[in-house]
Amino acid sequence: MKKLMMTLAAALSATAVVAQITSGNIVGYQNVTAGGQYFSSGAPFISIGTSANPQWRLGDIKGVGMVPVDDNIQFLNPADANTVLTATYIDAAAAGEEPSLVGWWNMDGDTRLDDQVFAAGTGFLCSFSSVGVVLTYAGEVLDGSTTVDLNGMKYPMVANFLPKNITLGDLVGVGMVPVDDNIQFLSVAGAITELTATYIDAAAAGEEPSLVGWWNMDGDTRLDDVAFPAGTAFLGSFASSNVQIIFPDPIP
């Protein structure tokens, strides 16, 4: 099949995506600079060859500027938002004369975590003592409109897994009850909620279809224009058990 070269322009500062289309697949990489100590992030790609069951592997990520243990990432339990897995990165400099150590490890340094696999859209919370840490993501672009199934998850961390910046207005909430079901953007300084948004679907909007979209909890401010950059994540807070979020096709 004919090969085409294309570059996807991403609006993140210090972010690059270079992609080659081969047999309909786009592969590439992206650098995401942590904006603060408690940066919420997630892979903007899936592992190559997993489009039938979209997922990403921790080993597909490289940490740049991370100090082992002092800098780590935490995966939260979607049932109660408690930490269930913490991983730290050993780079070539820290590995020294043992290059085989490069990769992700548990905090005790006795268990390699590179093979940990997560569903597309799974985000995590960073805990960085170092400033300016860069996460380098690599993999395959999940093309087409994609539905992230959050069934039974009360507090899922959901990442923008598209290698481009979008806004909340690009996302469609399914099964969300206004106010009862919402998403929260966390402060990079303290991991506390700094913005909460809820979704009004066509059923809830009733005879006012113009209301469909994302709103603040008081319902007086539309939030469709809120940025959701590539490689960032938000925390869901869902009372409903059958919530889904539909992401757009990254290459319409």
Protein backbone atom coordinates (compact mmCIF):
# COMPACT_ATOMS: atom_id res chain seq x y z
CA MET A 1 0.00 0.00 0.00
CA LYS A 2 1.21 3.47 -0.80
CA LYS A 3 3.00 5.15 2.07
CA LEU A 4 2.33 8.75 2.93
CA MET A 5 4.22 11.00 5.28
CA MET A 6 2.34 13.47 7.40
CA THR A 7 2.96 15.67 10.39
CA LEU A 8 0.25 16.24 12.98
CA ALA A 9 0.61 19.73 14.41
CA ALA A 10 0.01 19.71 18.17
CA ALA A 11 -0.53 22.93 20.07
CA LEU A 12 1.23 21.83 23.25
CA SER A 13 4.43 23.73 23.94
CA ALA A 14 7.53 21.58 23.65
CA THR A 15 5.42 18.91 21.98
CA ALA A 16 6.14 17.18 18.70
CA VAL A 17 4.23 14.56 16.79
CA VAL A 18 5.73 13.03 13.69
CA ALA A 19 3.60 10.37 12.12
CA GLN A 20 3.94 8.03 9.17
CA ILE A 21 0.88 6.49 7.62
CA THR A 22 1.51 2.88 6.65
CA SER A 23 -1.36 0.62 5.66
CA GLY A 24 -3.79 2.99 7.33
CA ASN A 25 -1.92 3.12 10.65
CA ILE A 26 -0.34 6.27 12.04
CA VAL A 27 2.55 5.87 14.43
CA GLY A 28 4.60 8.55 16.10
CA TYR A 29 5.75 10.13 19.34
CA GLN A 30 4.86 13.11 21.48
CA ASN A 31 6.67 14.98 24.24
CA VAL A 32 4.44 16.27 27.03
CA THR A 33 5.99 18.61 29.61
CA ALA A 34 4.50 18.31 33.10
CA GLY A 35 2.97 21.61 34.09
CA GLY A 36 3.51 21.10 37.80
CA GLN A 37 4.11 18.69 40.65
CA TYR A 38 0.75 16.94 40.41
CA PHE A 39 0.27 16.89 36.66
CA SER A 40 -2.58 14.69 35.40
CA SER A 41 -1.50 12.80 32.31
CA GLY A 42 -2.03 9.76 30.12
CA ALA A 43 -0.82 8.24 26.86
CA PRO A 44 -1.99 10.03 23.69
CA PHE A 45 -1.34 6.81 21.75
CA ILE A 46 -2.08 3.11 21.97
CA SER A 47 0.51 0.37 21.70
CA ILE A 48 1.21 -0.55 18.09
CA GLY A 49 -1.03 -3.34 16.86
CA THR A 50 -3.65 -3.09 19.61
CA SER A 51 -6.38 -1.21 17.73
CA ALA A 52 -8.72 -4.22 18.01
CA ASN A 53 -8.40 -3.99 21.80
CA PRO A 54 -7.06 -0.46 22.35
CA GLN A 55 -4.51 -0.32 25.15
CA TRP A 56 -1.14 1.14 26.03
CA ARG A 57 1.90 -0.24 27.78
CA LEU A 58 3.85 1.59 30.46
CA GLY A 59 7.08 0.71 28.67
CA ASP A 60 5.90 2.80 25.71
CA ILE A 61 6.61 5.89 27.86
CA LYS A 62 9.97 7.40 28.72
CA GLY A 63 10.51 9.78 31.61
CA VAL A 64 12.97 12.60 30.94
CA GLY A 65 14.34 14.47 33.94
CA MET A 66 12.82 12.09 36.46
CA VAL A 67 14.74 11.23 39.63
CA PRO A 68 13.99 7.65 40.73
CA VAL A 69 11.53 7.47 43.66
CA ASP A 70 11.43 11.28 44.07
CA ASP A 71 9.48 11.49 40.82
CA ASN A 72 6.73 8.96 40.22
CA ILE A 73 3.33 8.39 38.65
CA GLN A 74 0.29 6.97 40.40
CA PHE A 75 -2.66 5.01 39.05
CA LEU A 76 -5.87 5.49 41.00
CA ASN A 77 -8.51 2.93 41.88
CA PRO A 78 -11.67 3.92 39.94
CA ALA A 79 -13.75 2.71 42.89
CA ASP A 80 -12.39 5.12 45.52
CA ALA A 81 -9.57 7.17 43.89
CA ASN A 82 -6.94 5.62 46.16
CA THR A 83 -3.53 4.81 44.67
CA VAL A 84 -3.28 1.21 43.45
CA LEU A 85 0.02 1.36 41.56
CA THR A 86 3.02 3.68 41.81
CA ALA A 87 5.81 3.63 39.24
CA THR A 88 9.11 5.48 38.97
CA TYR A 89 11.48 5.74 36.01
CA ILE A 90 15.18 4.91 35.80
CA ASP A 91 16.83 6.65 32.85
CA ALA A 92 20.22 5.95 31.29
CA ALA A 93 22.00 8.40 33.58
CA ALA A 94 20.56 6.83 36.73
CA ALA A 95 21.17 3.32 35.39
CA GLY A 96 24.88 4.09 34.93
CA GLU A 97 26.78 0.94 34.01
CA GLU A 98 23.58 -1.16 34.10
CA PRO A 99 21.65 -0.08 30.97
CA SER A 100 19.30 -3.02 31.47
CA LEU A 101 17.80 -1.11 34.39
CA VAL A 102 16.36 1.62 32.17
CA GLY A 103 12.57 1.61 32.44
CA TRP A 104 9.70 1.71 34.93
CA TRP A 105 9.95 0.14 38.38
CA ASN A 106 8.02 -0.07 41.61
CA MET A 107 9.15 2.20 44.43
CA ASP A 108 11.29 -0.52 46.03
CA GLY A 109 13.15 -1.06 42.77
CA ASP A 110 12.64 -4.81 42.80
CA THR A 111 9.81 -5.16 40.26
CA ARG A 112 9.94 -3.97 36.66
CA LEU A 113 6.64 -2.44 35.51
CA ASP A 114 7.25 -1.89 31.80
CA ASP A 115 4.75 -4.61 30.88
CA GLN A 116 1.85 -3.10 32.82
CA VAL A 117 -0.99 -2.57 30.33
CA PHE A 118 -3.89 -0.12 30.54
CA ALA A 119 -7.01 0.50 28.46
CA ALA A 120 -6.90 3.42 26.05
CA GLY A 121 -7.92 6.58 27.87
CA THR A 122 -6.59 5.51 31.27
CA GLY A 123 -4.89 8.45 32.95
CA PHE A 124 -2.62 8.77 35.97
CA LEU A 125 -1.53 11.35 38.52
CA CYS A 126 2.08 12.49 38.59
CA SER A 127 4.00 13.28 41.75
CA PHE A 128 7.14 15.11 40.63
CA SER A 129 9.67 16.74 42.91
CA SER A 130 11.71 17.73 39.86
CA VAL A 131 10.70 20.67 37.68
CA GLY A 132 10.23 20.35 33.94
CA VAL A 133 9.83 16.59 33.70
CA VAL A 134 8.98 15.48 30.17
CA LEU A 135 7.01 12.35 29.37
CA THR A 136 7.78 10.99 25.92
CA TYR A 137 4.90 8.95 24.54
CA ALA A 138 5.14 6.68 21.51
CA GLY A 139 2.75 4.38 19.74
CA GLU A 140 -0.11 4.25 17.28
CA VAL A 141 -2.91 6.76 16.79
CA LEU A 142 -6.31 5.26 17.53
CA ASP A 143 -8.25 6.47 14.52
CA GLY A 144 -11.95 6.99 14.22
CA SER A 145 -14.44 8.12 16.84
CA THR A 146 -13.81 6.12 20.02
CA THR A 147 -16.09 5.44 22.98
CA VAL A 148 -14.44 5.08 26.38
CA ASP A 149 -16.60 2.76 28.45
CA LEU A 150 -16.54 3.79 32.13
CA ASN A 151 -19.21 1.34 33.20
CA GLY A 152 -19.11 0.78 36.96
CA MET A 153 -16.28 3.27 37.50
CA LYS A 154 -16.98 5.97 40.04
CA TYR A 155 -13.65 7.82 39.96
CA PRO A 156 -11.89 7.03 36.67
CA MET A 157 -8.90 9.09 35.56
CA VAL A 158 -9.55 9.75 31.87
CA ALA A 159 -6.80 10.96 29.53
CA ASN A 160 -7.02 12.67 26.17
CA PHE A 161 -5.56 9.79 24.17
CA LEU A 162 -5.56 11.75 20.91
CA PRO A 163 -2.21 13.25 19.85
CA LYS A 164 -3.77 16.67 19.48
CA ASN A 165 -5.39 19.32 21.64
CA ILE A 166 -9.16 19.28 21.85
CA THR A 167 -11.80 21.03 23.96
CA LEU A 168 -14.55 19.65 26.16
CA GLY A 169 -16.98 20.49 23.38
CA ASP A 170 -15.34 17.77 21.29
CA LEU A 171 -16.41 15.15 23.84
CA VAL A 172 -19.88 13.64 24.16
CA GLY A 173 -21.09 12.36 27.51
CA VAL A 174 -23.38 9.32 27.44
CA GLY A 175 -25.39 8.17 30.44
CA MET A 176 -24.42 11.23 32.49
CA VAL A 177 -26.97 12.84 34.80
CA PRO A 178 -26.34 16.58 35.11
CA VAL A 179 -24.56 17.50 38.36
CA ASP A 180 -24.69 13.92 39.73
CA ASP A 181 -22.10 12.94 37.13
CA ASN A 182 -19.20 15.30 36.54
CA ILE A 183 -15.54 15.55 35.63
CA GLN A 184 -12.87 17.41 37.57
CA PHE A 185 -9.64 19.04 36.44
CA LEU A 186 -7.08 18.93 39.23
CA SER A 187 -4.61 21.64 40.19
CA VAL A 188 -1.01 20.79 39.29
CA ALA A 189 0.05 22.52 42.50
CA GLY A 190 -2.02 20.56 45.00
CA ALA A 191 -4.10 17.97 43.12
CA ILE A 192 -7.26 19.67 44.34
CA THR A 193 -10.23 20.33 42.06
CA GLU A 194 -9.96 23.63 40.21
CA LEU A 195 -12.70 23.12 37.60
CA THR A 196 -15.77 20.86 37.59
CA ALA A 197 -17.89 20.24 34.52
CA THR A 198 -21.10 18.29 33.96
CA TYR A 199 -22.79 17.24 30.72
CA ILE A 200 -26.31 17.97 29.51
CA ASP A 201 -27.40 15.52 26.80
CA ALA A 202 -30.34 15.79 24.42
CA ALA A 203 -32.70 14.01 26.81
CA ALA A 204 -31.86 16.34 29.69
CA ALA A 205 -32.01 19.39 27.41
CA GLY A 206 -35.56 18.52 26.37
CA GLU A 207 -37.07 21.29 24.29
CA GLU A 208 -33.86 23.36 24.52
CA PRO A 209 -31.37 21.51 22.27
CA SER A 210 -29.01 24.48 22.48
CA LEU A 211 -28.27 23.40 26.07
CA VAL A 212 -26.53 20.20 24.98
CA GLY A 213 -22.90 20.32 26.07
CA TRP A 214 -20.63 20.87 29.07
CA TRP A 215 -21.56 23.26 31.89
CA ASN A 216 -20.41 24.31 35.33
CA MET A 217 -22.25 22.83 38.27
CA ASP A 218 -24.56 25.84 38.62
CA GLY A 219 -25.61 25.51 34.98
CA ASP A 220 -24.93 29.16 34.22
CA THR A 221 -21.60 28.89 32.40
CA ARG A 222 -20.98 26.82 29.29
CA LEU A 223 -17.63 25.03 29.38
CA ASP A 224 -17.41 23.60 25.86
CA ASP A 225 -14.39 25.81 25.14
CA VAL A 226 -12.31 24.51 28.05
CA ALA A 227 -9.04 23.12 26.70
CA PHE A 228 -8.24 19.43 27.01
CA PRO A 229 -4.66 19.19 25.72
CA ALA A 230 -3.10 16.01 24.40
CA GLY A 231 -1.54 13.91 27.13
CA THR A 232 -3.54 15.46 29.98
CA ALA A 233 -6.28 13.88 32.08
CA PHE A 234 -9.27 14.64 34.28
CA LEU A 235 -10.86 12.79 37.19
CA GLY A 236 -14.42 11.57 36.82
CA SER A 237 -16.96 11.58 39.65
CA PHE A 238 -19.90 9.47 38.54
CA ALA A 239 -22.98 8.49 40.53
CA SER A 240 -24.34 6.68 37.45
CA SER A 241 -22.92 3.28 36.61
CA ASN A 242 -23.16 3.32 32.82
CA VAL A 243 -21.22 6.43 31.80
CA GLN A 244 -19.41 6.59 28.47
CA ILE A 245 -17.41 9.38 26.88
CA ILE A 246 -17.09 9.60 23.12
CA PHE A 247 -13.86 11.02 21.69
CA PRO A 248 -13.73 12.44 18.15
CA ASP A 249 -11.77 11.09 15.21
CA PRO A 250 -8.27 12.62 15.53
CA ILE A 251 -8.03 12.98 11.76
CA PRO A 252 -11.48 14.04 10.51
